[in-house]
C-alpha atoms as a PDB file:
ATOM      1  CA  UNK A   1       7.341  33.436  -1.780  1.00  0.00           C
ATOM      2  CA  UNK A   2       6.468  29.768  -2.170  1.00  0.00           C
ATOM      3  CA  UNK A   3       3.074  28.468  -1.040  1.00  0.00           C
ATOM      4  CA  UNK A   4       2.040  24.841  -0.818  1.00  0.00           C
ATOM      5  CA  UNK A   5       0.666  22.400   1.736  1.00  0.00           C
ATOM      6  CA  UNK A   6       2.009  19.278   3.394  1.00  0.00           C
ATOM      7  CA  UNK A   7       0.127  16.670   5.358  1.00  0.00           C
ATOM      8  CA  UNK A   8       1.074  14.219   8.084  1.00  0.00           C
ATOM      9  CA  UNK A   9       3.152  11.179   7.211  1.00  0.00           C
ATOM     10  CA  UNK A  10       4.079  11.409   3.578  1.00  0.00           C
ATOM     11  CA  UNK A  11       3.703   9.331   0.467  1.00  0.00           C
ATOM     12  CA  UNK A  12       5.563  10.099  -2.759  1.00  0.00           C
ATOM     13  CA  UNK A  13       3.966  13.449  -3.592  1.00  0.00           C
ATOM     14  CA  UNK A  14       4.455  14.757  -0.052  1.00  0.00           C
ATOM     15  CA  UNK A  15       8.069  13.588   0.061  1.00  0.00           C
ATOM     16  CA  UNK A  16       8.573  15.360  -3.267  1.00  0.00           C
ATOM     17  CA  UNK A  17       7.391  18.732  -1.994  1.00  0.00           C
ATOM     18  CA  UNK A  18       9.132  18.302   1.389  1.00  0.00           C
ATOM     19  CA  UNK A  19      12.496  17.731  -0.287  1.00  0.00           C
ATOM     20  CA  UNK A  20      11.966  20.488  -2.868  1.00  0.00           C
ATOM     21  CA  UNK A  21      11.210  22.995  -0.109  1.00  0.00           C
ATOM     22  CA  UNK A  22      14.242  21.815   1.892  1.00  0.00           C
ATOM     23  CA  UNK A  23      16.617  22.501  -0.992  1.00  0.00           C
ATOM     24  CA  UNK A  24      14.948  25.765  -2.041  1.00  0.00           C
ATOM     25  CA  UNK A  25      15.406  27.136   1.483  1.00  0.00           C
ATOM     26  CA  UNK A  26      19.139  27.069   0.792  1.00  0.00           C
ATOM     27  CA  UNK A  27      18.719  29.621  -1.986  1.00  0.00           C
ATOM     28  CA  UNK A  28      19.055  33.203  -0.640  1.00  0.00           C
ATOM     29  CA  UNK A  29      16.602  34.695  -3.145  1.00  0.00           C
ATOM     30  CA  UNK A  30      13.644  32.617  -1.889  1.00  0.00           C
ATOM     31  CA  UNK A  31      11.418  33.367   1.085  1.00  0.00           C
ATOM     32  CA  UNK A  32       9.316  30.247   1.510  1.00  0.00           C
ATOM     33  CA  UNK A  33       6.165  29.592   3.475  1.00  0.00           C
ATOM     34  CA  UNK A  34       4.497  26.190   3.741  1.00  0.00           C
ATOM     35  CA  UNK A  35       0.886  25.491   4.667  1.00  0.00           C
ATOM     36  CA  UNK A  36       0.883  22.370   6.831  1.00  0.00           C
ATOM     37  CA  UNK A  37      -2.092  20.086   7.422  1.00  0.00           C
ATOM     38  CA  UNK A  38      -1.481  17.484  10.174  1.00  0.00           C
ATOM     39  CA  UNK A  39      -3.254  14.490   8.607  1.00  0.00           C
ATOM     40  CA  UNK A  40      -3.812  13.061   5.145  1.00  0.00           C
ATOM     41  CA  UNK A  41      -7.384  13.696   4.038  1.00  0.00           C
ATOM     42  CA  UNK A  42      -7.934  13.727   0.292  1.00  0.00           C
ATOM     43  CA  UNK A  43     -10.310  16.706   0.147  1.00  0.00           C
ATOM     44  CA  UNK A  44      -9.848  18.561   3.447  1.00  0.00           C
ATOM     45  CA  UNK A  45      -6.100  19.016   2.884  1.00  0.00           C
ATOM     46  CA  UNK A  46      -6.403  20.898  -0.410  1.00  0.00           C
ATOM     47  CA  UNK A  47      -9.414  22.857   0.863  1.00  0.00           C
ATOM     48  CA  UNK A  48      -7.421  23.859   3.937  1.00  0.00           C
ATOM     49  CA  UNK A  49      -4.611  25.021   1.660  1.00  0.00           C
ATOM     50  CA  UNK A  50      -7.012  27.025  -0.519  1.00  0.00           C
ATOM     51  CA  UNK A  51      -8.413  28.736   2.578  1.00  0.00           C
ATOM     52  CA  UNK A  52      -4.922  29.594   3.848  1.00  0.00           C
ATOM     53  CA  UNK A  53      -3.937  30.970   0.445  1.00  0.00           C
ATOM     54  CA  UNK A  54      -7.088  33.070   0.336  1.00  0.00           C
ATOM     55  CA  UNK A  55      -6.642  34.530   3.826  1.00  0.00           C
ATOM     56  CA  UNK A  56      -2.979  35.313   3.298  1.00  0.00           C
ATOM     57  CA  UNK A  57      -3.638  36.799  -0.128  1.00  0.00           C
ATOM     58  CA  UNK A  58      -5.664  39.552   1.574  1.00  0.00           C
ATOM     59  CA  UNK A  59      -2.551  40.670   3.461  1.00  0.00           C
ATOM     60  CA  UNK A  60       0.013  40.766   0.668  1.00  0.00           C
ATOM     61  CA  UNK A  61       0.579  41.760  -2.905  1.00  0.00           C
ATOM     62  CA  UNK A  62       0.193  38.508  -4.832  1.00  0.00           C
ATOM     63  CA  UNK A  63       1.927  40.037  -7.819  1.00  0.00           C
ATOM     64  CA  UNK A  64       5.159  39.442  -5.880  1.00  0.00           C
ATOM     65  CA  UNK A  65       4.275  35.836  -4.996  1.00  0.00           C
ATOM     66  CA  UNK A  66       4.765  32.517  -6.743  1.00  0.00           C
ATOM     67  CA  UNK A  67       2.158  29.987  -5.652  1.00  0.00           C
ATOM     68  CA  UNK A  68       3.334  26.442  -6.222  1.00  0.00           C
ATOM     69  CA  UNK A  69       0.496  23.998  -5.655  1.00  0.00           C
ATOM     70  CA  UNK A  70       0.929  20.252  -5.322  1.00  0.00           C
ATOM     71  CA  UNK A  71      -2.748  19.321  -5.106  1.00  0.00           C
ATOM     72  CA  UNK A  72      -5.042  21.701  -6.973  1.00  0.00           C
ATOM     73  CA  UNK A  73      -5.109  24.091  -4.031  1.00  0.00           C
ATOM     74  CA  UNK A  74      -4.332  27.154  -6.145  1.00  0.00           C
ATOM     75  CA  UNK A  75      -7.415  26.674  -8.303  1.00  0.00           C
ATOM     76  CA  UNK A  76      -9.556  29.184  -6.391  1.00  0.00           C
ATOM     77  CA  UNK A  77      -6.912  31.922  -6.146  1.00  0.00           C
ATOM     78  CA  UNK A  78      -7.435  34.524  -8.858  1.00  0.00           C
ATOM     79  CA  UNK A  79      -4.196  36.468  -8.427  1.00  0.00           C
ATOM     80  CA  UNK A  80      -0.519  35.562  -8.238  1.00  0.00           C
ATOM     81  CA  UNK A  81       1.815  33.610 -10.461  1.00  0.00           C
ATOM     82  CA  UNK A  82       0.799  29.985 -10.184  1.00  0.00           C
ATOM     83  CA  UNK A  83       2.628  26.731 -10.846  1.00  0.00           C
ATOM     84  CA  UNK A  84       0.923  23.352 -10.498  1.00  0.00           C
ATOM     85  CA  UNK A  85       2.643  19.974 -10.142  1.00  0.00           C
ATOM     86  CA  UNK A  86       0.578  17.176 -11.666  1.00  0.00           C
ATOM     87  CA  UNK A  87       1.884  13.793 -10.487  1.00  0.00           C
ATOM     88  CA  UNK A  88      -0.597  11.444 -12.174  1.00  0.00           C
ATOM     89  CA  UNK A  89      -4.254  11.053 -13.096  1.00  0.00           C
ATOM     90  CA  UNK A  90      -6.345  10.314 -10.015  1.00  0.00           C
ATOM     91  CA  UNK A  91      -8.989   8.765 -12.276  1.00  0.00           C
ATOM     92  CA  UNK A  92      -6.612   5.885 -13.023  1.00  0.00           C
ATOM     93  CA  UNK A  93      -6.488   5.133  -9.301  1.00  0.00           C
ATOM     94  CA  UNK A  94     -10.241   5.242  -8.646  1.00  0.00           C
ATOM     95  CA  UNK A  95     -12.373   7.009 -11.249  1.00  0.00           C
ATOM     96  CA  UNK A  96     -15.598   7.077  -9.240  1.00  0.00           C
ATOM     97  CA  UNK A  97     -14.149   8.381  -5.970  1.00  0.00           C
ATOM     98  CA  UNK A  98     -11.553  10.769  -7.383  1.00  0.00           C
ATOM     99  CA  UNK A  99     -13.447  12.618 -10.130  1.00  0.00           C
ATOM    100  CA  UNK A 100     -13.925  15.770  -7.998  1.00  0.00           C
ATOM    101  CA  UNK A 101     -10.264  15.864  -6.986  1.00  0.00           C
ATOM    102  CA  UNK A 102      -9.105  15.255 -10.561  1.00  0.00           C
ATOM    103  CA  UNK A 103     -11.285  18.098 -11.890  1.00  0.00           C
ATOM    104  CA  UNK A 104      -9.975  20.411  -9.151  1.00  0.00           C
ATOM    105  CA  UNK A 105      -6.435  19.508 -10.116  1.00  0.00           C
ATOM    106  CA  UNK A 106      -7.034  20.049 -13.849  1.00  0.00           C
ATOM    107  CA  UNK A 107      -8.752  23.390 -13.145  1.00  0.00           C
ATOM    108  CA  UNK A 108      -5.689  24.476 -11.168  1.00  0.00           C
ATOM    109  CA  UNK A 109      -3.448  23.403 -14.066  1.00  0.00           C
ATOM    110  CA  UNK A 110      -5.474  25.537 -16.481  1.00  0.00           C
ATOM    111  CA  UNK A 111      -5.145  28.584 -14.199  1.00  0.00           C
ATOM    112  CA  UNK A 112      -1.379  28.148 -13.831  1.00  0.00           C
ATOM    113  CA  UNK A 113       1.390  29.710 -15.877  1.00  0.00           C
ATOM    114  CA  UNK A 114       3.332  26.452 -15.882  1.00  0.00           C
ATOM    115  CA  UNK A 115       2.465  22.829 -15.106  1.00  0.00           C
ATOM    116  CA  UNK A 116       5.198  20.480 -13.891  1.00  0.00           C
ATOM    117  CA  UNK A 117       4.961  16.765 -14.611  1.00  0.00           C
ATOM    118  CA  UNK A 118       7.587  14.297 -13.329  1.00  0.00           C
ATOM    119  CA  UNK A 119       7.862  12.077 -16.405  1.00  0.00           C
ATOM    120  CA  UNK A 120       7.242  11.747 -20.131  1.00  0.00           C
ATOM    121  CA  UNK A 121       4.628   9.124 -19.213  1.00  0.00           C
ATOM    122  CA  UNK A 122       2.630  11.615 -17.106  1.00  0.00           C
ATOM    123  CA  UNK A 123       3.075  14.272 -19.784  1.00  0.00           C
ATOM    124  CA  UNK A 124       1.255  12.057 -22.306  1.00  0.00           C
ATOM    125  CA  UNK A 125      -1.564  11.310 -19.847  1.00  0.00           C
ATOM    126  CA  UNK A 126      -2.117  14.991 -19.043  1.00  0.00           C
ATOM    127  CA  UNK A 127      -2.087  16.105 -22.688  1.00  0.00           C
ATOM    128  CA  UNK A 128      -4.638  13.406 -23.490  1.00  0.00           C
ATOM    129  CA  UNK A 129      -6.885  14.655 -20.657  1.00  0.00           C
ATOM    130  CA  UNK A 130      -6.396  18.359 -21.417  1.00  0.00           C
ATOM    131  CA  UNK A 131      -4.786  19.020 -24.851  1.00  0.00           C
ATOM    132  CA  UNK A 132      -4.882  22.786 -24.310  1.00  0.00           C
ATOM    133  CA  UNK A 133      -2.262  22.460 -21.547  1.00  0.00           C
ATOM    134  CA  UNK A 134       0.445  21.160 -23.904  1.00  0.00           C
ATOM    135  CA  UNK A 135       2.327  24.475 -24.176  1.00  0.00           C
ATOM    136  CA  UNK A 136       2.338  24.980 -20.387  1.00  0.00           C
ATOM    137  CA  UNK A 137       3.796  21.614 -19.457  1.00  0.00           C
ATOM    138  CA  UNK A 138       7.379  21.251 -18.267  1.00  0.00           C
ATOM    139  CA  UNK A 139       8.831  17.800 -17.575  1.00  0.00           C
ATOM    140  CA  UNK A 140      10.995  17.906 -14.439  1.00  0.00           C
ATOM    141  CA  UNK A 141      11.916  14.588 -12.802  1.00  0.00           C
ATOM    142  CA  UNK A 142      11.647  14.167  -9.055  1.00  0.00           C
ATOM    143  CA  UNK A 143      14.887  14.088  -7.145  1.00  0.00           C
ATOM    144  CA  UNK A 144      16.575  12.226  -4.320  1.00  0.00           C
ATOM    145  CA  UNK A 145      19.104  13.397  -1.745  1.00  0.00           C
ATOM    146  CA  UNK A 146      21.961  11.036  -2.564  1.00  0.00           C
ATOM    147  CA  UNK A 147      23.896  12.122   0.531  1.00  0.00           C
ATOM    148  CA  UNK A 148      21.096  10.718   2.710  1.00  0.00           C
ATOM    149  CA  UNK A 149      19.879   7.864   0.515  1.00  0.00           C
ATOM    150  CA  UNK A 150      23.151   6.012   0.023  1.00  0.00           C
ATOM    151  CA  UNK A 151      24.710   2.569   0.415  1.00  0.00           C
ATOM    152  CA  UNK A 152      25.664   1.892   4.039  1.00  0.00           C
ATOM    153  CA  UNK A 153      28.878   0.163   5.129  1.00  0.00           C
ATOM    154  CA  UNK A 154      28.619  -3.632   5.229  1.00  0.00           C
ATOM    155  CA  UNK A 155      28.706  -3.789   9.035  1.00  0.00           C
ATOM    156  CA  UNK A 156      25.762  -1.371   9.324  1.00  0.00           C
ATOM    157  CA  UNK A 157      23.836  -3.329   6.697  1.00  0.00           C
ATOM    158  CA  UNK A 158      24.410  -6.544   8.639  1.00  0.00           C
ATOM    159  CA  UNK A 159      23.129  -4.913  11.838  1.00  0.00           C
ATOM    160  CA  UNK A 160      19.878  -3.934  10.086  1.00  0.00           C
ATOM    161  CA  UNK A 161      19.417  -7.419   8.633  1.00  0.00           C
ATOM    162  CA  UNK A 162      19.965  -8.930  12.072  1.00  0.00           C
ATOM    163  CA  UNK A 163      17.415  -6.508  13.527  1.00  0.00           C
ATOM    164  CA  UNK A 164      14.737  -7.802  11.138  1.00  0.00           C
ATOM    165  CA  UNK A 165      15.810 -11.430  11.369  1.00  0.00           C
ATOM    166  CA  UNK A 166      17.122 -11.684   7.802  1.00  0.00           C
ATOM    167  CA  UNK A 167      19.874 -14.288   7.857  1.00  0.00           C
ATOM    168  CA  UNK A 168      22.870 -14.309   5.537  1.00  0.00           C
ATOM    169  CA  UNK A 169      21.506 -17.116   3.375  1.00  0.00           C
ATOM    170  CA  UNK A 170      18.262 -15.217   2.594  1.00  0.00           C
ATOM    171  CA  UNK A 171      17.540 -12.968  -0.406  1.00  0.00           C
ATOM    172  CA  UNK A 172      15.512  -9.934   0.681  1.00  0.00           C
ATOM    173  CA  UNK A 173      13.144  -8.454  -1.921  1.00  0.00           C
ATOM    174  CA  UNK A 174      11.757  -5.010  -1.079  1.00  0.00           C
ATOM    175  CA  UNK A 175       8.811  -2.864  -2.126  1.00  0.00           C
ATOM    176  CA  UNK A 176       7.918   0.520  -0.578  1.00  0.00           C
ATOM    177  CA  UNK A 177       4.506   2.065  -1.195  1.00  0.00           C
ATOM    178  CA  UNK A 178       0.858   2.200  -0.214  1.00  0.00           C
ATOM    179  CA  UNK A 179      -0.734  -1.220   0.062  1.00  0.00           C
ATOM    180  CA  UNK A 180      -3.516  -0.764  -2.462  1.00  0.00           C
ATOM    181  CA  UNK A 181      -4.759  -2.841  -5.381  1.00  0.00           C
ATOM    182  CA  UNK A 182      -3.023  -0.784  -8.079  1.00  0.00           C
ATOM    183  CA  UNK A 183       0.328  -0.828  -6.259  1.00  0.00           C
ATOM    184  CA  UNK A 184       0.935  -4.466  -7.092  1.00  0.00           C
ATOM    185  CA  UNK A 185       1.712  -6.253  -3.829  1.00  0.00           C
ATOM    186  CA  UNK A 186      -0.608  -9.124  -4.811  1.00  0.00           C
ATOM    187  CA  UNK A 187       1.170  -9.355  -8.163  1.00  0.00           C
ATOM    188  CA  UNK A 188       4.501  -9.544  -6.324  1.00  0.00           C
ATOM    189  CA  UNK A 189       3.225 -12.474  -4.257  1.00  0.00           C
ATOM    190  CA  UNK A 190       1.916 -14.164  -7.391  1.00  0.00           C
ATOM    191  CA  UNK A 191       5.311 -13.808  -9.084  1.00  0.00           C
ATOM    192  CA  UNK A 192       7.248 -15.102  -6.074  1.00  0.00           C
ATOM    193  CA  UNK A 193       4.976 -18.155  -5.957  1.00  0.00           C
ATOM    194  CA  UNK A 194       6.181 -18.991  -9.498  1.00  0.00           C
ATOM    195  CA  UNK A 195       9.800 -19.319  -8.367  1.00  0.00           C
ATOM    196  CA  UNK A 196      11.469 -22.667  -7.975  1.00  0.00           C
ATOM    197  CA  UNK A 197      10.812 -24.059  -4.486  1.00  0.00           C
ATOM    198  CA  UNK A 198      14.473 -23.839  -3.468  1.00  0.00           C
ATOM    199  CA  UNK A 199      14.625 -20.144  -4.418  1.00  0.00           C
ATOM    200  CA  UNK A 200      11.294 -19.430  -2.754  1.00  0.00           C
ATOM    201  CA  UNK A 201      12.611 -20.862   0.537  1.00  0.00           C
ATOM    202  CA  UNK A 202      15.499 -18.366   0.406  1.00  0.00           C
ATOM    203  CA  UNK A 203      13.189 -15.411  -0.241  1.00  0.00           C
ATOM    204  CA  UNK A 204      12.112 -12.769   2.257  1.00  0.00           C
ATOM    205  CA  UNK A 205       9.597 -10.210   0.981  1.00  0.00           C
ATOM    206  CA  UNK A 206       9.809  -6.891   2.847  1.00  0.00           C
ATOM    207  CA  UNK A 207       6.875  -4.490   2.375  1.00  0.00           C
ATOM    208  CA  UNK A 208       6.851  -0.947   3.767  1.00  0.00           C
ATOM    209  CA  UNK A 209       3.567   0.943   3.675  1.00  0.00           C
ATOM    210  CA  UNK A 210      -0.044   0.914   4.790  1.00  0.00           C
ATOM    211  CA  UNK A 211      -3.389   0.745   3.039  1.00  0.00           C
ATOM    212  CA  UNK A 212      -6.693  -0.979   2.539  1.00  0.00           C
ATOM    213  CA  UNK A 213      -5.156  -4.247   1.265  1.00  0.00           C
ATOM    214  CA  UNK A 214      -2.923  -4.998   4.267  1.00  0.00           C
ATOM    215  CA  UNK A 215      -4.917  -7.910   5.693  1.00  0.00           C
ATOM    216  CA  UNK A 216      -5.518  -9.454   2.287  1.00  0.00           C
ATOM    217  CA  UNK A 217      -1.820  -9.249   1.346  1.00  0.00           C
ATOM    218  CA  UNK A 218      -0.824 -10.965   4.594  1.00  0.00           C
ATOM    219  CA  UNK A 219      -3.463 -13.662   3.993  1.00  0.00           C
ATOM    220  CA  UNK A 220      -2.187 -14.389   0.467  1.00  0.00           C
ATOM    221  CA  UNK A 221       1.438 -14.454   1.664  1.00  0.00           C
ATOM    222  CA  UNK A 222       0.512 -17.037   4.281  1.00  0.00           C
ATOM    223  CA  UNK A 223      -1.396 -19.149   1.759  1.00  0.00           C
ATOM    224  CA  UNK A 224       1.529 -19.086  -0.686  1.00  0.00           C
ATOM    225  CA  UNK A 225       4.032 -19.769   2.120  1.00  0.00           C
ATOM    226  CA  UNK A 226       6.070 -16.652   1.410  1.00  0.00           C
ATOM    227  CA  UNK A 227       8.121 -15.193   4.260  1.00  0.00           C
ATOM    228  CA  UNK A 228       6.705 -11.680   4.678  1.00  0.00           C
ATOM    229  CA  UNK A 229       8.060  -8.785   6.731  1.00  0.00           C
ATOM    230  CA  UNK A 230       5.857  -5.692   6.986  1.00  0.00           C
ATOM    231  CA  UNK A 231       6.266  -2.231   8.495  1.00  0.00           C
ATOM    232  CA  UNK A 232       3.489   0.341   8.173  1.00  0.00           C
ATOM    233  CA  UNK A 233       5.359   3.568   8.957  1.00  0.00           C
ATOM    234  CA  UNK A 234       9.097   4.095   9.349  1.00  0.00           C
ATOM    235  CA  UNK A 235      11.358   7.108   9.840  1.00  0.00           C
ATOM    236  CA  UNK A 236      13.675   8.252   7.068  1.00  0.00           C
ATOM    237  CA  UNK A 237      16.611   6.710   8.923  1.00  0.00           C
ATOM    238  CA  UNK A 238      14.774   3.404   9.275  1.00  0.00           C
ATOM    239  CA  UNK A 239      13.769   3.475   5.607  1.00  0.00           C
ATOM    240  CA  UNK A 240      17.375   3.956   4.487  1.00  0.00           C
ATOM    241  CA  UNK A 241      18.364   0.998   6.657  1.00  0.00           C
ATOM    242  CA  UNK A 242      15.610  -1.121   5.099  1.00  0.00           C
ATOM    243  CA  UNK A 243      16.687  -0.192   1.564  1.00  0.00           C
ATOM    244  CA  UNK A 244      20.211  -1.257   2.487  1.00  0.00           C
ATOM    245  CA  UNK A 245      19.229  -4.549   4.091  1.00  0.00           C
ATOM    246  CA  UNK A 246      17.464  -5.623   0.879  1.00  0.00           C
ATOM    247  CA  UNK A 247      19.148  -7.410  -2.028  1.00  0.00           C
ATOM    248  CA  UNK A 248      16.888  -6.090  -4.779  1.00  0.00           C
ATOM    249  CA  UNK A 249      13.847  -3.883  -5.343  1.00  0.00           C
ATOM    250  CA  UNK A 250      10.732  -5.269  -7.070  1.00  0.00           C
ATOM    251  CA  UNK A 251       7.955  -2.957  -8.286  1.00  0.00           C
ATOM    252  CA  UNK A 252       4.862  -4.367 -10.008  1.00  0.00           C
ATOM    253  CA  UNK A 253       2.779  -1.223  -9.581  1.00  0.00           C
ATOM    254  CA  UNK A 254       0.241  -0.457 -12.299  1.00  0.00           C
ATOM    255  CA  UNK A 255       0.119   3.278 -11.593  1.00  0.00           C
ATOM    256  CA  UNK A 256       2.999   5.628 -10.851  1.00  0.00           C
ATOM    257  CA  UNK A 257       3.384   9.273 -11.728  1.00  0.00           C
ATOM    258  CA  UNK A 258       7.121   8.944 -11.267  1.00  0.00           C
ATOM    259  CA  UNK A 259       8.271   6.070  -9.042  1.00  0.00           C
ATOM    260  CA  UNK A 260      10.114   7.880  -6.239  1.00  0.00           C
ATOM    261  CA  UNK A 261      10.732   4.762  -4.154  1.00  0.00           C
ATOM    262  CA  UNK A 262      12.483   3.187  -7.167  1.00  0.00           C
ATOM    263  CA  UNK A 263      14.837   6.179  -7.310  1.00  0.00           C
ATOM    264  CA  UNK A 264      15.465   5.992  -3.552  1.00  0.00           C
ATOM    265  CA  UNK A 265      16.248   2.279  -3.889  1.00  0.00           C
ATOM    266  CA  UNK A 266      18.673   3.026  -6.729  1.00  0.00           C
ATOM    267  CA  UNK A 267      20.411   5.678  -4.620  1.00  0.00           C
ATOM    268  CA  UNK A 268      20.915   3.010  -1.939  1.00  0.00           C
ATOM    269  CA  UNK A 269      22.438   0.706  -4.551  1.00  0.00           C
ATOM    270  CA  UNK A 270      19.629  -1.771  -5.188  1.00  0.00           C
ATOM    271  CA  UNK A 271      19.154  -3.594  -8.505  1.00  0.00           C
ATOM    272  CA  UNK A 272      15.652  -2.926  -9.879  1.00  0.00           C
ATOM    273  CA  UNK A 273      13.086  -5.272 -11.404  1.00  0.00           C
ATOM    274  CA  UNK A 274       9.867  -3.551 -12.445  1.00  0.00           C
ATOM    275  CA  UNK A 275       6.944  -3.122 -14.748  1.00  0.00           C
ATOM    276  CA  UNK A 276       7.229  -0.083 -17.012  1.00  0.00           C
ATOM    277  CA  UNK A 277       4.958   2.618 -15.577  1.00  0.00           C
ATOM    278  CA  UNK A 278       5.486   6.247 -14.591  1.00  0.00           C
ATOM    279  CA  UNK A 279       9.130   7.209 -15.057  1.00  0.00           C
ATOM    280  CA  UNK A 280      10.461   3.780 -14.055  1.00  0.00           C
ATOM    281  CA  UNK A 281      11.584   2.883 -17.577  1.00  0.00           C
ATOM    282  CA  UNK A 282      13.320   6.273 -17.875  1.00  0.00           C
ATOM    283  CA  UNK A 283      14.932   5.879 -14.453  1.00  0.00           C
ATOM    284  CA  UNK A 284      16.238   2.320 -14.566  1.00  0.00           C
ATOM    285  CA  UNK A 285      17.756   2.435 -18.060  1.00  0.00           C
ATOM    286  CA  UNK A 286      20.329  -0.343 -17.740  1.00  0.00           C
ATOM    287  CA  UNK A 287      20.622  -0.819 -13.978  1.00  0.00           C
ATOM    288  CA  UNK A 288      17.923  -3.451 -13.748  1.00  0.00           C
ATOM    289  CA  UNK A 289      15.213  -5.274 -15.676  1.00  0.00           C
ATOM    290  CA  UNK A 290      12.051  -3.515 -16.856  1.00  0.00           C
ATOM    291  CA  UNK A 291       9.182  -4.947 -18.887  1.00  0.00           C
ATOM    292  CA  UNK A 292       5.570  -4.266 -19.806  1.00  0.00           C
ATOM    293  CA  UNK A 293       2.756  -4.685 -17.277  1.00  0.00           C
ATOM    294  CA  UNK A 294       1.535  -8.294 -16.791  1.00  0.00           C
ATOM    295  CA  UNK A 295       4.695  -9.901 -18.204  1.00  0.00           C
ATOM    296  CA  UNK A 296       5.082 -12.317 -15.278  1.00  0.00           C
ATOM    297  CA  UNK A 297       7.458 -14.681 -17.073  1.00  0.00           C
ATOM    298  CA  UNK A 298       9.989 -11.895 -17.667  1.00  0.00           C
ATOM    299  CA  UNK A 299       9.800 -10.833 -14.020  1.00  0.00           C
ATOM    300  CA  UNK A 300      10.254 -14.404 -12.782  1.00  0.00           C
ATOM    301  CA  UNK A 301      13.246 -14.963 -15.081  1.00  0.00           C
ATOM    302  CA  UNK A 302      14.791 -11.642 -14.000  1.00  0.00           C
ATOM    303  CA  UNK A 303      14.365 -12.579 -10.341  1.00  0.00           C
ATOM    304  CA  UNK A 304      16.090 -15.910 -10.934  1.00  0.00           C
ATOM    305  CA  UNK A 305      19.029 -14.222 -12.712  1.00  0.00           C
ATOM    306  CA  UNK A 306      19.628 -11.660  -9.941  1.00  0.00           C
ATOM    307  CA  UNK A 307      18.916 -13.993  -7.023  1.00  0.00           C
ATOM    308  CA  UNK A 308      21.292 -16.692  -8.299  1.00  0.00           C
ATOM    309  CA  UNK A 309      24.193 -14.401  -9.235  1.00  0.00           C
ATOM    310  CA  UNK A 310      25.958 -12.261  -6.581  1.00  0.00           C
ATOM    311  CA  UNK A 311      28.190 -10.947  -9.397  1.00  0.00           C
ATOM    312  CA  UNK A 312      25.217  -9.565 -11.347  1.00  0.00           C
ATOM    313  CA  UNK A 313      23.693  -8.107  -8.165  1.00  0.00           C
ATOM    314  CA  UNK A 314      26.964  -6.308  -7.424  1.00  0.00           C
ATOM    315  CA  UNK A 315      27.257  -4.902 -10.961  1.00  0.00           C
ATOM    316  CA  UNK A 316      23.637  -3.690 -11.079  1.00  0.00           C
ATOM    317  CA  UNK A 317      24.015  -2.234  -7.586  1.00  0.00           C
ATOM    318  CA  UNK A 318      26.936  -0.094  -8.762  1.00  0.00           C
ATOM    319  CA  UNK A 319      25.045   1.020 -11.889  1.00  0.00           C
ATOM    320  CA  UNK A 320      21.951   1.938  -9.831  1.00  0.00           C
ATOM    321  CA  UNK A 321      23.962   4.171  -7.528  1.00  0.00           C
ATOM    322  CA  UNK A 322      25.780   5.846 -10.416  1.00  0.00           C
ATOM    323  CA  UNK A 323      22.556   6.557 -12.317  1.00  0.00           C
ATOM    324  CA  UNK A 324      20.771   7.922  -9.233  1.00  0.00           C
ATOM    325  CA  UNK A 325      23.373  10.705  -8.949  1.00  0.00           C
ATOM    326  CA  UNK A 326      21.897  12.291 -12.088  1.00  0.00           C
ATOM    327  CA  UNK A 327      18.674  12.821 -10.114  1.00  0.00           C
ATOM    328  CA  UNK A 328      20.240  14.342  -6.994  1.00  0.00           C
ATOM    329  CA  UNK A 329      18.022  17.174  -5.722  1.00  0.00           C
ATOM    330  CA  UNK A 330      20.931  19.614  -5.917  1.00  0.00           C
ATOM    331  CA  UNK A 331      21.159  19.042  -9.674  1.00  0.00           C
ATOM    332  CA  UNK A 332      17.371  19.052 -10.222  1.00  0.00           C
ATOM    333  CA  UNK A 333      16.863  22.362  -8.363  1.00  0.00           C
ATOM    334  CA  UNK A 334      19.720  24.164 -10.116  1.00  0.00           C
ATOM    335  CA  UNK A 335      19.062  22.825 -13.603  1.00  0.00           C
ATOM    336  CA  UNK A 336      15.290  23.119 -13.603  1.00  0.00           C
ATOM    337  CA  UNK A 337      13.475  24.786 -10.694  1.00  0.00           C
ATOM    338  CA  UNK A 338      15.540  27.971 -10.310  1.00  0.00           C
ATOM    339  CA  UNK A 339      15.188  28.718 -14.029  1.00  0.00           C
ATOM    340  CA  UNK A 340      11.466  27.912 -13.998  1.00  0.00           C
ATOM    341  CA  UNK A 341      10.698  30.121 -10.989  1.00  0.00           C
ATOM    342  CA  UNK A 342      12.634  32.998 -12.566  1.00  0.00           C
ATOM    343  CA  UNK A 343      10.714  32.547 -15.823  1.00  0.00           C
ATOM    344  CA  UNK A 344       7.337  32.492 -14.017  1.00  0.00           C
ATOM    345  CA  UNK A 345       8.242  35.465 -11.831  1.00  0.00           C
ATOM    346  CA  UNK A 346       9.060  37.534 -14.902  1.00  0.00           C
ATOM    347  CA  UNK A 347       5.920  36.475 -16.787  1.00  0.00           C
END
């Protein structure tokens, strides 16, 4: 039995658990139940999940149940075999607002048999915050369904570009993620403004996501005369089309537990340019350009190389797709999750 909770329209951590559940349902030995909360509320969602766990625990023998929590929701359940996934430190996002949620999450980690982190980067952060968890931690990368996230035929790609008004002579640069200060959309605009004027005229920046910085990002784009396309929410099908209509993926985020959108972009065959955070350095590994945070010159030079050379774009596109296959959910579930659940069940 697998317990967790999902909420409304999903960001990276919700997409992670949604896909994991989808692939686990294919395994005959698992009977899975998901607690669903219809909207994304930082505290009410986990509290709802805790309440559901508690009520259901009264009706079943928790010794036969694995509780996999994605949000600290298992912290108040005394029985059962618990696993916690820790994506990143919420204090790095907003220390003042997120201290309660971070403590709830760490408490749940301490009560769990195993703690999953998606990257070596997150592993180091968690051990620094709670050294006593070191022996419990298992590094399991997030996955992507490479049969869904894939390069589309050229004619389909052209249809999507036409839909969004991206002409053949334009270079489309994409970023997918919440529009918040730490996600780096302002840094992307700053970097694009450093490009030669002729390159900047060819550039279309496509942002997918919503957040508190939306109006400010649009204001800065207008001031810097950067052609901006923006969609707040899209379906999975629309997102795959958007990945395919882009020419490269640019991530200047300062905080990532993993970098799921980077992996999705790779699966769709996009070259990657990024700052090294989360698992991005581990992921890209030769199919793009990665550097340390705040190295704007490197990012600008990398953009110029990829934008000016169709040959390099094509080569990096092929390498991105090939590398993404390592992280296909089918491989991740079989190599890691099935063994981990068996180990926890027998504990």
